[in-house]
């Protein structure tokens, strides 16, 4: 296809792409972003054949080959790379339209449950809660703390409608992810009188000789050396302040709730930045109150 014909076709596509189903566009975008039809199928909770058929039908409708299938994994063609941006825009517009329709027509939730990882402090000054209370005075709000896989379990079980947690490589197909720009810095902390605080060299080798205090949530990997655990970061923080061991702690949490007894260990590779994701069930539609919180999460500064 020559460049002039392609540009003409792309302009016609931009004008008429709304005719194509969101399902086919979503299958195309997910396949492009994840590098395979099978990975896209897992993310969308569909079969691989359903996804590949949807993409093939989109190619027929557009008259464009979107993927080069000659290798083990499909790769975007030059035309596919250009169409990808248009498809993402259409899906984003479709999502905004659906959210607007919910806000305009749906009744406000009588109850909303949010679940957060303490790694992130989205509302340290309680400003968002004050704003939410003014905007939705009749909505009962429940604020839960959980970590990692436990956040996912709360969402999957329907116990919570919206969650905030550290970014993961994979999510269950029933989960919809909203990547956020908000992040948290996690560093290693210990009481100033702890032996580790007195050392300046070979700290990495010394860590496993001393008790580590960590979060005890579902799916956490095993650790070398003696370990104590607690159910939330506040409890971990208090145990470290009591001189019971060292721990990975969010800097913001230490600044808010710690005291002058804590020191940050200068270990190579630390602190580490953790990106955040907002998550919800794919088959659950957020109401106006839930959408308000999702927008608030999106607006959080890094």
C-alpha atoms as a PDB file:
ATOM      1  CA  UNK A   1       0.000   0.000   0.000  1.00  0.00           C
ATOM      2  CA  UNK A   2       1.495   3.368  -0.995  1.00  0.00           C
ATOM      3  CA  UNK A   3       1.662   6.222   1.518  1.00  0.00           C
ATOM      4  CA  UNK A   4      -1.054   8.364  -0.114  1.00  0.00           C
ATOM      5  CA  UNK A   5      -3.520   5.488  -0.209  1.00  0.00           C
ATOM      6  CA  UNK A   6      -2.696   4.582   3.370  1.00  0.00           C
ATOM      7  CA  UNK A   7      -3.207   8.162   4.602  1.00  0.00           C
ATOM      8  CA  UNK A   8      -6.532   8.373   2.776  1.00  0.00           C
ATOM      9  CA  UNK A   9      -7.579   5.083   4.307  1.00  0.00           C
ATOM     10  CA  UNK A  10      -6.481   6.174   7.759  1.00  0.00           C
ATOM     11  CA  UNK A  11      -8.489   9.397   7.489  1.00  0.00           C
ATOM     12  CA  UNK A  12     -11.552   7.402   6.492  1.00  0.00           C
ATOM     13  CA  UNK A  13     -10.831   5.088   9.420  1.00  0.00           C
ATOM     14  CA  UNK A  14     -10.728   8.049  11.833  1.00  0.00           C
ATOM     15  CA  UNK A  15     -14.110   9.214  10.556  1.00  0.00           C
ATOM     16  CA  UNK A  16     -15.778   5.815  10.683  1.00  0.00           C
ATOM     17  CA  UNK A  17     -13.950   3.865  13.391  1.00  0.00           C
ATOM     18  CA  UNK A  18     -16.838   4.407  15.794  1.00  0.00           C
ATOM     19  CA  UNK A  19     -18.670   1.730  13.790  1.00  0.00           C
ATOM     20  CA  UNK A  20     -16.311  -0.900  15.127  1.00  0.00           C
ATOM     21  CA  UNK A  21     -17.214  -2.649  18.329  1.00  0.00           C
ATOM     22  CA  UNK A  22     -15.315  -1.747  21.501  1.00  0.00           C
ATOM     23  CA  UNK A  23     -14.639  -5.478  21.907  1.00  0.00           C
ATOM     24  CA  UNK A  24     -12.681  -5.703  18.644  1.00  0.00           C
ATOM     25  CA  UNK A  25     -10.750  -2.518  19.377  1.00  0.00           C
ATOM     26  CA  UNK A  26     -10.005  -3.722  22.917  1.00  0.00           C
ATOM     27  CA  UNK A  27      -8.764  -7.073  21.572  1.00  0.00           C
ATOM     28  CA  UNK A  28      -6.468  -5.237  19.145  1.00  0.00           C
ATOM     29  CA  UNK A  29      -5.089  -2.804  21.752  1.00  0.00           C
ATOM     30  CA  UNK A  30      -4.498  -5.485  24.384  1.00  0.00           C
ATOM     31  CA  UNK A  31      -2.787  -7.757  21.840  1.00  0.00           C
ATOM     32  CA  UNK A  32      -0.529  -4.908  20.744  1.00  0.00           C
ATOM     33  CA  UNK A  33       0.374  -3.892  24.294  1.00  0.00           C
ATOM     34  CA  UNK A  34       0.923  -7.427  25.613  1.00  0.00           C
ATOM     35  CA  UNK A  35       2.669  -8.892  22.582  1.00  0.00           C
ATOM     36  CA  UNK A  36       0.451 -11.895  21.962  1.00  0.00           C
ATOM     37  CA  UNK A  37      -3.157 -12.927  21.479  1.00  0.00           C
ATOM     38  CA  UNK A  38      -2.918 -15.402  24.365  1.00  0.00           C
ATOM     39  CA  UNK A  39      -1.684 -12.746  26.809  1.00  0.00           C
ATOM     40  CA  UNK A  40      -4.454 -10.411  25.670  1.00  0.00           C
ATOM     41  CA  UNK A  41      -6.989 -13.205  26.135  1.00  0.00           C
ATOM     42  CA  UNK A  42      -5.819 -13.810  29.714  1.00  0.00           C
ATOM     43  CA  UNK A  43      -6.078 -10.123  30.500  1.00  0.00           C
ATOM     44  CA  UNK A  44      -9.552  -9.817  28.965  1.00  0.00           C
ATOM     45  CA  UNK A  45     -10.841 -13.073  30.419  1.00  0.00           C
ATOM     46  CA  UNK A  46     -11.572 -14.514  26.955  1.00  0.00           C
ATOM     47  CA  UNK A  47     -10.295 -17.368  24.823  1.00  0.00           C
ATOM     48  CA  UNK A  48      -7.363 -16.860  22.476  1.00  0.00           C
ATOM     49  CA  UNK A  49      -9.521 -17.744  19.481  1.00  0.00           C
ATOM     50  CA  UNK A  50     -12.065 -15.088  20.438  1.00  0.00           C
ATOM     51  CA  UNK A  51      -9.356 -12.424  20.620  1.00  0.00           C
ATOM     52  CA  UNK A  52      -7.597 -13.446  17.394  1.00  0.00           C
ATOM     53  CA  UNK A  53     -10.932 -13.604  15.550  1.00  0.00           C
ATOM     54  CA  UNK A  54     -11.872 -10.147  16.799  1.00  0.00           C
ATOM     55  CA  UNK A  55      -8.559  -8.765  15.568  1.00  0.00           C
ATOM     56  CA  UNK A  56      -8.920 -10.521  12.197  1.00  0.00           C
ATOM     57  CA  UNK A  57     -12.433  -9.103  11.774  1.00  0.00           C
ATOM     58  CA  UNK A  58     -11.129  -5.631  12.572  1.00  0.00           C
ATOM     59  CA  UNK A  59      -8.437  -6.049   9.919  1.00  0.00           C
ATOM     60  CA  UNK A  60     -11.106  -7.026   7.393  1.00  0.00           C
ATOM     61  CA  UNK A  61     -13.299  -4.049   8.312  1.00  0.00           C
ATOM     62  CA  UNK A  62     -10.372  -1.629   8.097  1.00  0.00           C
ATOM     63  CA  UNK A  63      -8.809  -3.189   5.038  1.00  0.00           C
ATOM     64  CA  UNK A  64      -5.454  -3.068   6.827  1.00  0.00           C
ATOM     65  CA  UNK A  65      -3.111  -5.781   8.101  1.00  0.00           C
ATOM     66  CA  UNK A  66      -2.510  -4.851  11.725  1.00  0.00           C
ATOM     67  CA  UNK A  67      -0.185  -7.681  12.743  1.00  0.00           C
ATOM     68  CA  UNK A  68       2.652  -9.563  11.065  1.00  0.00           C
ATOM     69  CA  UNK A  69       1.960 -13.177  12.028  1.00  0.00           C
ATOM     70  CA  UNK A  70       4.996 -14.721  10.334  1.00  0.00           C
ATOM     71  CA  UNK A  71       6.921 -15.078  13.603  1.00  0.00           C
ATOM     72  CA  UNK A  72       6.114 -16.918  16.816  1.00  0.00           C
ATOM     73  CA  UNK A  73       4.513 -13.806  18.292  1.00  0.00           C
ATOM     74  CA  UNK A  74       2.452 -11.299  16.291  1.00  0.00           C
ATOM     75  CA  UNK A  75       4.151  -7.967  15.691  1.00  0.00           C
ATOM     76  CA  UNK A  76       2.472  -4.718  14.754  1.00  0.00           C
ATOM     77  CA  UNK A  77       2.875  -3.726  11.139  1.00  0.00           C
ATOM     78  CA  UNK A  78       3.719  -0.132  10.300  1.00  0.00           C
ATOM     79  CA  UNK A  79       0.033   0.459   9.619  1.00  0.00           C
ATOM     80  CA  UNK A  80      -0.908  -1.256  12.862  1.00  0.00           C
ATOM     81  CA  UNK A  81       1.369   1.038  14.844  1.00  0.00           C
ATOM     82  CA  UNK A  82      -0.403   4.052  13.389  1.00  0.00           C
ATOM     83  CA  UNK A  83      -3.892   2.641  13.941  1.00  0.00           C
ATOM     84  CA  UNK A  84      -3.074   1.759  17.573  1.00  0.00           C
ATOM     85  CA  UNK A  85      -3.189   5.370  18.725  1.00  0.00           C
ATOM     86  CA  UNK A  86      -6.575   5.922  17.093  1.00  0.00           C
ATOM     87  CA  UNK A  87      -7.984   2.780  18.666  1.00  0.00           C
ATOM     88  CA  UNK A  88      -6.751   3.805  22.126  1.00  0.00           C
ATOM     89  CA  UNK A  89      -8.405   7.206  21.708  1.00  0.00           C
ATOM     90  CA  UNK A  90     -11.717   5.595  20.751  1.00  0.00           C
ATOM     91  CA  UNK A  91     -11.607   3.240  23.753  1.00  0.00           C
ATOM     92  CA  UNK A  92     -10.743   6.106  26.084  1.00  0.00           C
ATOM     93  CA  UNK A  93     -13.645   8.143  24.715  1.00  0.00           C
ATOM     94  CA  UNK A  94     -15.962   5.140  25.085  1.00  0.00           C
ATOM     95  CA  UNK A  95     -14.914   4.741  28.719  1.00  0.00           C
ATOM     96  CA  UNK A  96     -15.463   8.437  29.437  1.00  0.00           C
ATOM     97  CA  UNK A  97     -18.899   8.278  27.810  1.00  0.00           C
ATOM     98  CA  UNK A  98     -19.924   5.256  29.875  1.00  0.00           C
ATOM     99  CA  UNK A  99     -18.715   6.938  33.063  1.00  0.00           C
ATOM    100  CA  UNK A 100     -20.607  10.107  32.183  1.00  0.00           C
ATOM    101  CA  UNK A 101     -23.798   8.144  31.568  1.00  0.00           C
ATOM    102  CA  UNK A 102     -23.409   6.533  34.978  1.00  0.00           C
ATOM    103  CA  UNK A 103     -22.908   9.893  36.646  1.00  0.00           C
ATOM    104  CA  UNK A 104     -25.941  11.358  34.878  1.00  0.00           C
ATOM    105  CA  UNK A 105     -28.365   8.476  35.285  1.00  0.00           C
ATOM    106  CA  UNK A 106     -27.307   6.207  38.138  1.00  0.00           C
ATOM    107  CA  UNK A 107     -28.255   6.690  41.727  1.00  0.00           C
ATOM    108  CA  UNK A 108     -25.415   7.449  44.118  1.00  0.00           C
ATOM    109  CA  UNK A 109     -24.203   4.396  46.027  1.00  0.00           C
ATOM    110  CA  UNK A 110     -25.541   4.081  49.552  1.00  0.00           C
ATOM    111  CA  UNK A 111     -22.293   2.354  50.562  1.00  0.00           C
ATOM    112  CA  UNK A 112     -18.779   2.222  49.094  1.00  0.00           C
ATOM    113  CA  UNK A 113     -15.775   0.211  50.263  1.00  0.00           C
ATOM    114  CA  UNK A 114     -12.215   1.152  49.324  1.00  0.00           C
ATOM    115  CA  UNK A 115      -9.140  -0.955  50.077  1.00  0.00           C
ATOM    116  CA  UNK A 116      -5.630   0.509  50.168  1.00  0.00           C
ATOM    117  CA  UNK A 117      -2.081  -0.615  50.560  1.00  0.00           C
ATOM    118  CA  UNK A 118      -0.364   1.356  53.339  1.00  0.00           C
ATOM    119  CA  UNK A 119       2.587   1.700  50.965  1.00  0.00           C
ATOM    120  CA  UNK A 120       0.632   4.625  49.562  1.00  0.00           C
ATOM    121  CA  UNK A 121      -0.739   7.529  51.564  1.00  0.00           C
ATOM    122  CA  UNK A 122      -3.260   9.017  49.118  1.00  0.00           C
ATOM    123  CA  UNK A 123      -4.843  11.399  51.598  1.00  0.00           C
ATOM    124  CA  UNK A 124      -2.382  12.272  54.400  1.00  0.00           C
ATOM    125  CA  UNK A 125      -4.151  15.520  55.274  1.00  0.00           C
ATOM    126  CA  UNK A 126      -7.648  14.004  54.941  1.00  0.00           C
ATOM    127  CA  UNK A 127      -8.499  16.613  52.303  1.00  0.00           C
ATOM    128  CA  UNK A 128      -9.989  14.067  49.921  1.00  0.00           C
ATOM    129  CA  UNK A 129     -12.163  12.602  52.651  1.00  0.00           C
ATOM    130  CA  UNK A 130     -13.487  16.060  53.514  1.00  0.00           C
ATOM    131  CA  UNK A 131     -14.244  16.713  49.842  1.00  0.00           C
ATOM    132  CA  UNK A 132     -15.907  13.329  49.458  1.00  0.00           C
ATOM    133  CA  UNK A 133     -18.032  13.914  52.550  1.00  0.00           C
ATOM    134  CA  UNK A 134     -19.266  17.204  51.157  1.00  0.00           C
ATOM    135  CA  UNK A 135     -19.933  15.781  47.683  1.00  0.00           C
ATOM    136  CA  UNK A 136     -21.578  12.519  48.853  1.00  0.00           C
ATOM    137  CA  UNK A 137     -22.942  13.207  52.340  1.00  0.00           C
ATOM    138  CA  UNK A 138     -25.305  10.223  52.292  1.00  0.00           C
ATOM    139  CA  UNK A 139     -22.839   7.566  51.097  1.00  0.00           C
ATOM    140  CA  UNK A 140     -21.470   5.286  53.804  1.00  0.00           C
ATOM    141  CA  UNK A 141     -17.711   4.937  53.239  1.00  0.00           C
ATOM    142  CA  UNK A 142     -15.595   2.028  54.476  1.00  0.00           C
ATOM    143  CA  UNK A 143     -11.795   2.391  54.327  1.00  0.00           C
ATOM    144  CA  UNK A 144      -9.841  -0.884  54.517  1.00  0.00           C
ATOM    145  CA  UNK A 145      -6.102  -1.534  54.770  1.00  0.00           C
ATOM    146  CA  UNK A 146      -4.578  -4.539  53.003  1.00  0.00           C
ATOM    147  CA  UNK A 147      -1.440  -5.460  51.098  1.00  0.00           C
ATOM    148  CA  UNK A 148      -0.608  -7.105  47.783  1.00  0.00           C
ATOM    149  CA  UNK A 149      -2.690 -10.167  47.009  1.00  0.00           C
ATOM    150  CA  UNK A 150      -5.067  -9.366  49.851  1.00  0.00           C
ATOM    151  CA  UNK A 151      -6.172  -6.211  48.024  1.00  0.00           C
ATOM    152  CA  UNK A 152      -6.932  -8.353  44.975  1.00  0.00           C
ATOM    153  CA  UNK A 153      -8.862 -10.835  47.121  1.00  0.00           C
ATOM    154  CA  UNK A 154     -11.029  -8.051  48.546  1.00  0.00           C
ATOM    155  CA  UNK A 155     -11.856  -6.855  45.026  1.00  0.00           C
ATOM    156  CA  UNK A 156     -12.504 -10.329  43.575  1.00  0.00           C
ATOM    157  CA  UNK A 157     -14.788 -11.299  46.446  1.00  0.00           C
ATOM    158  CA  UNK A 158     -16.811  -8.105  46.075  1.00  0.00           C
ATOM    159  CA  UNK A 159     -15.892  -7.050  49.607  1.00  0.00           C
ATOM    160  CA  UNK A 160     -14.470  -3.808  48.178  1.00  0.00           C
ATOM    161  CA  UNK A 161     -15.362  -1.986  44.993  1.00  0.00           C
ATOM    162  CA  UNK A 162     -12.112  -0.097  44.360  1.00  0.00           C
ATOM    163  CA  UNK A 163      -8.535  -0.795  45.438  1.00  0.00           C
ATOM    164  CA  UNK A 164      -5.139   0.888  45.400  1.00  0.00           C
ATOM    165  CA  UNK A 165      -1.962  -1.205  45.497  1.00  0.00           C
ATOM    166  CA  UNK A 166       1.603  -1.528  44.246  1.00  0.00           C
ATOM    167  CA  UNK A 167       1.844  -2.352  40.545  1.00  0.00           C
ATOM    168  CA  UNK A 168       2.044  -6.054  39.735  1.00  0.00           C
ATOM    169  CA  UNK A 169       3.249  -7.821  36.593  1.00  0.00           C
ATOM    170  CA  UNK A 170       0.066  -9.848  36.266  1.00  0.00           C
ATOM    171  CA  UNK A 171      -3.496  -9.541  37.470  1.00  0.00           C
ATOM    172  CA  UNK A 172      -6.388 -11.995  37.367  1.00  0.00           C
ATOM    173  CA  UNK A 173      -8.451 -11.614  34.160  1.00  0.00           C
ATOM    174  CA  UNK A 174     -11.448 -10.498  36.225  1.00  0.00           C
ATOM    175  CA  UNK A 175      -9.574  -7.363  37.266  1.00  0.00           C
ATOM    176  CA  UNK A 176      -9.574  -4.012  35.435  1.00  0.00           C
ATOM    177  CA  UNK A 177      -6.425  -1.943  36.047  1.00  0.00           C
ATOM    178  CA  UNK A 178      -6.017   1.817  35.966  1.00  0.00           C
ATOM    179  CA  UNK A 179      -2.273   2.623  36.000  1.00  0.00           C
ATOM    180  CA  UNK A 180      -1.566   5.717  38.094  1.00  0.00           C
ATOM    181  CA  UNK A 181       1.302   8.189  38.151  1.00  0.00           C
ATOM    182  CA  UNK A 182       1.342   8.179  41.958  1.00  0.00           C
ATOM    183  CA  UNK A 183       4.303   6.328  43.471  1.00  0.00           C
ATOM    184  CA  UNK A 184       5.929   5.685  46.833  1.00  0.00           C
ATOM    185  CA  UNK A 185       9.550   5.433  47.912  1.00  0.00           C
ATOM    186  CA  UNK A 186      10.357   2.487  50.159  1.00  0.00           C
ATOM    187  CA  UNK A 187      13.596   2.427  52.165  1.00  0.00           C
ATOM    188  CA  UNK A 188      15.205   0.315  54.903  1.00  0.00           C
ATOM    189  CA  UNK A 189      14.767   1.650  58.437  1.00  0.00           C
ATOM    190  CA  UNK A 190      16.027   0.646  61.869  1.00  0.00           C
ATOM    191  CA  UNK A 191      16.118   2.106  65.381  1.00  0.00           C
ATOM    192  CA  UNK A 192      19.105   4.384  65.924  1.00  0.00           C
ATOM    193  CA  UNK A 193      20.384   2.134  68.753  1.00  0.00           C
ATOM    194  CA  UNK A 194      20.180  -1.041  66.645  1.00  0.00           C
ATOM    195  CA  UNK A 195      23.563  -2.644  65.726  1.00  0.00           C
ATOM    196  CA  UNK A 196      22.846  -2.086  62.022  1.00  0.00           C
ATOM    197  CA  UNK A 197      22.662   1.655  62.621  1.00  0.00           C
ATOM    198  CA  UNK A 198      26.233   1.605  63.865  1.00  0.00           C
ATOM    199  CA  UNK A 199      27.656   0.003  60.717  1.00  0.00           C
ATOM    200  CA  UNK A 200      28.715   1.872  57.622  1.00  0.00           C
ATOM    201  CA  UNK A 201      30.002  -0.962  55.420  1.00  0.00           C
ATOM    202  CA  UNK A 202      28.816  -4.400  54.267  1.00  0.00           C
ATOM    203  CA  UNK A 203      25.253  -3.639  55.312  1.00  0.00           C
ATOM    204  CA  UNK A 204      23.763  -5.977  52.704  1.00  0.00           C
ATOM    205  CA  UNK A 205      25.670  -8.931  54.168  1.00  0.00           C
ATOM    206  CA  UNK A 206      24.666  -7.918  57.694  1.00  0.00           C
ATOM    207  CA  UNK A 207      20.917  -7.654  57.040  1.00  0.00           C
ATOM    208  CA  UNK A 208      20.299 -11.410  57.110  1.00  0.00           C
ATOM    209  CA  UNK A 209      22.087 -11.657  60.476  1.00  0.00           C
ATOM    210  CA  UNK A 210      19.430  -9.509  62.106  1.00  0.00           C
ATOM    211  CA  UNK A 211      15.695  -9.843  62.520  1.00  0.00           C
ATOM    212  CA  UNK A 212      13.606  -8.533  59.657  1.00  0.00           C
ATOM    213  CA  UNK A 213      10.083  -7.279  60.319  1.00  0.00           C
ATOM    214  CA  UNK A 214       7.744  -7.447  57.374  1.00  0.00           C
ATOM    215  CA  UNK A 215       4.148  -7.449  56.236  1.00  0.00           C
ATOM    216  CA  UNK A 216       2.354 -10.800  56.520  1.00  0.00           C
ATOM    217  CA  UNK A 217       0.070 -10.779  53.509  1.00  0.00           C
ATOM    218  CA  UNK A 218      -0.995 -13.484  51.103  1.00  0.00           C
ATOM    219  CA  UNK A 219       1.619 -14.359  48.482  1.00  0.00           C
ATOM    220  CA  UNK A 220       4.658 -12.684  50.068  1.00  0.00           C
ATOM    221  CA  UNK A 221       7.876 -14.529  49.128  1.00  0.00           C
ATOM    222  CA  UNK A 222      10.019 -16.215  51.766  1.00  0.00           C
ATOM    223  CA  UNK A 223      13.031 -14.422  53.221  1.00  0.00           C
ATOM    224  CA  UNK A 224      16.446 -15.400  54.461  1.00  0.00           C
ATOM    225  CA  UNK A 225      17.301 -14.807  58.092  1.00  0.00           C
ATOM    226  CA  UNK A 226      15.052 -14.444  61.164  1.00  0.00           C
ATOM    227  CA  UNK A 227      11.677 -12.875  60.360  1.00  0.00           C
ATOM    228  CA  UNK A 228       8.805 -11.441  62.344  1.00  0.00           C
ATOM    229  CA  UNK A 229       5.664 -10.250  60.608  1.00  0.00           C
ATOM    230  CA  UNK A 230       2.691  -7.996  61.233  1.00  0.00           C
ATOM    231  CA  UNK A 231      -0.611  -7.415  59.457  1.00  0.00           C
ATOM    232  CA  UNK A 232      -0.040  -3.769  58.479  1.00  0.00           C
ATOM    233  CA  UNK A 233       2.732  -1.222  58.039  1.00  0.00           C
ATOM    234  CA  UNK A 234       1.786   0.755  61.150  1.00  0.00           C
ATOM    235  CA  UNK A 235       2.434  -2.317  63.294  1.00  0.00           C
ATOM    236  CA  UNK A 236       5.725  -2.948  61.449  1.00  0.00           C
ATOM    237  CA  UNK A 237       6.695   0.675  62.023  1.00  0.00           C
ATOM    238  CA  UNK A 238       5.968   0.450  65.751  1.00  0.00           C
ATOM    239  CA  UNK A 239       8.013  -2.738  66.082  1.00  0.00           C
ATOM    240  CA  UNK A 240      10.978  -1.092  64.350  1.00  0.00           C
ATOM    241  CA  UNK A 241      10.653   1.968  66.615  1.00  0.00           C
ATOM    242  CA  UNK A 242      10.768  -0.436  69.565  1.00  0.00           C
ATOM    243  CA  UNK A 243      14.166  -1.699  68.342  1.00  0.00           C
ATOM    244  CA  UNK A 244      12.919  -5.183  67.462  1.00  0.00           C
ATOM    245  CA  UNK A 245      14.443  -5.330  63.973  1.00  0.00           C
ATOM    246  CA  UNK A 246      14.775  -3.667  60.585  1.00  0.00           C
ATOM    247  CA  UNK A 247      12.130  -3.291  57.908  1.00  0.00           C
ATOM    248  CA  UNK A 248      11.255  -1.984  54.478  1.00  0.00           C
ATOM    249  CA  UNK A 249       9.010   1.010  55.111  1.00  0.00           C
ATOM    250  CA  UNK A 250       7.447   3.701  52.922  1.00  0.00           C
ATOM    251  CA  UNK A 251       9.270   6.989  53.499  1.00  0.00           C
ATOM    252  CA  UNK A 252       5.979   8.899  53.557  1.00  0.00           C
ATOM    253  CA  UNK A 253       4.577   6.604  56.243  1.00  0.00           C
ATOM    254  CA  UNK A 254       7.699   7.100  58.369  1.00  0.00           C
ATOM    255  CA  UNK A 255       7.444  10.867  57.944  1.00  0.00           C
ATOM    256  CA  UNK A 256       3.796  10.845  59.026  1.00  0.00           C
ATOM    257  CA  UNK A 257       3.833   8.363  61.886  1.00  0.00           C
ATOM    258  CA  UNK A 258       7.470   7.724  62.802  1.00  0.00           C
ATOM    259  CA  UNK A 259       9.659   9.499  65.315  1.00  0.00           C
ATOM    260  CA  UNK A 260      13.252  10.675  65.597  1.00  0.00           C
ATOM    261  CA  UNK A 261      14.378   7.247  66.807  1.00  0.00           C
ATOM    262  CA  UNK A 262      14.430   5.835  63.258  1.00  0.00           C
ATOM    263  CA  UNK A 263      17.343   6.023  60.833  1.00  0.00           C
ATOM    264  CA  UNK A 264      17.400   5.075  57.158  1.00  0.00           C
ATOM    265  CA  UNK A 265      20.035   2.505  56.238  1.00  0.00           C
ATOM    266  CA  UNK A 266      22.290   3.521  53.310  1.00  0.00           C
ATOM    267  CA  UNK A 267      22.021   0.213  51.441  1.00  0.00           C
ATOM    268  CA  UNK A 268      22.868  -0.004  47.740  1.00  0.00           C
ATOM    269  CA  UNK A 269      19.745  -0.215  45.576  1.00  0.00           C
ATOM    270  CA  UNK A 270      17.573   1.560  48.118  1.00  0.00           C
ATOM    271  CA  UNK A 271      15.272   3.430  48.305  1.00  0.00           C
ATOM    272  CA  UNK A 272      13.043   1.828  45.684  1.00  0.00           C
ATOM    273  CA  UNK A 273      10.153   3.452  43.881  1.00  0.00           C
ATOM    274  CA  UNK A 274       6.830   1.597  43.757  1.00  0.00           C
ATOM    275  CA  UNK A 275       4.251   2.605  41.153  1.00  0.00           C
ATOM    276  CA  UNK A 276       0.549   2.322  41.964  1.00  0.00           C
ATOM    277  CA  UNK A 277      -2.510   0.869  40.237  1.00  0.00           C
ATOM    278  CA  UNK A 278      -6.204   1.337  40.917  1.00  0.00           C
ATOM    279  CA  UNK A 279      -8.153  -1.914  40.497  1.00  0.00           C
ATOM    280  CA  UNK A 280     -11.776  -3.047  40.311  1.00  0.00           C
ATOM    281  CA  UNK A 281     -13.744  -6.064  39.109  1.00  0.00           C
ATOM    282  CA  UNK A 282     -14.356  -6.159  35.368  1.00  0.00           C
ATOM    283  CA  UNK A 283     -18.025  -7.072  35.834  1.00  0.00           C
ATOM    284  CA  UNK A 284     -18.654  -4.315  38.393  1.00  0.00           C
ATOM    285  CA  UNK A 285     -19.617  -0.826  37.264  1.00  0.00           C
ATOM    286  CA  UNK A 286     -18.581   1.951  39.594  1.00  0.00           C
ATOM    287  CA  UNK A 287     -21.257   4.435  40.580  1.00  0.00           C
ATOM    288  CA  UNK A 288     -20.768   8.203  40.923  1.00  0.00           C
ATOM    289  CA  UNK A 289     -19.058   7.900  44.325  1.00  0.00           C
ATOM    290  CA  UNK A 290     -16.642   5.207  43.134  1.00  0.00           C
ATOM    291  CA  UNK A 291     -15.870   7.161  39.964  1.00  0.00           C
ATOM    292  CA  UNK A 292     -15.162  10.222  42.108  1.00  0.00           C
ATOM    293  CA  UNK A 293     -12.466   8.285  43.969  1.00  0.00           C
ATOM    294  CA  UNK A 294     -11.036   6.863  40.741  1.00  0.00           C
ATOM    295  CA  UNK A 295     -10.680  10.392  39.358  1.00  0.00           C
ATOM    296  CA  UNK A 296      -9.096  11.481  42.647  1.00  0.00           C
ATOM    297  CA  UNK A 297      -6.536   8.667  42.368  1.00  0.00           C
ATOM    298  CA  UNK A 298      -5.712   9.675  38.790  1.00  0.00           C
ATOM    299  CA  UNK A 299      -5.062  13.242  39.954  1.00  0.00           C
ATOM    300  CA  UNK A 300      -2.641  12.219  42.723  1.00  0.00           C
ATOM    301  CA  UNK A 301       0.813  13.710  42.289  1.00  0.00           C
ATOM    302  CA  UNK A 302       3.866  11.483  42.305  1.00  0.00           C
END
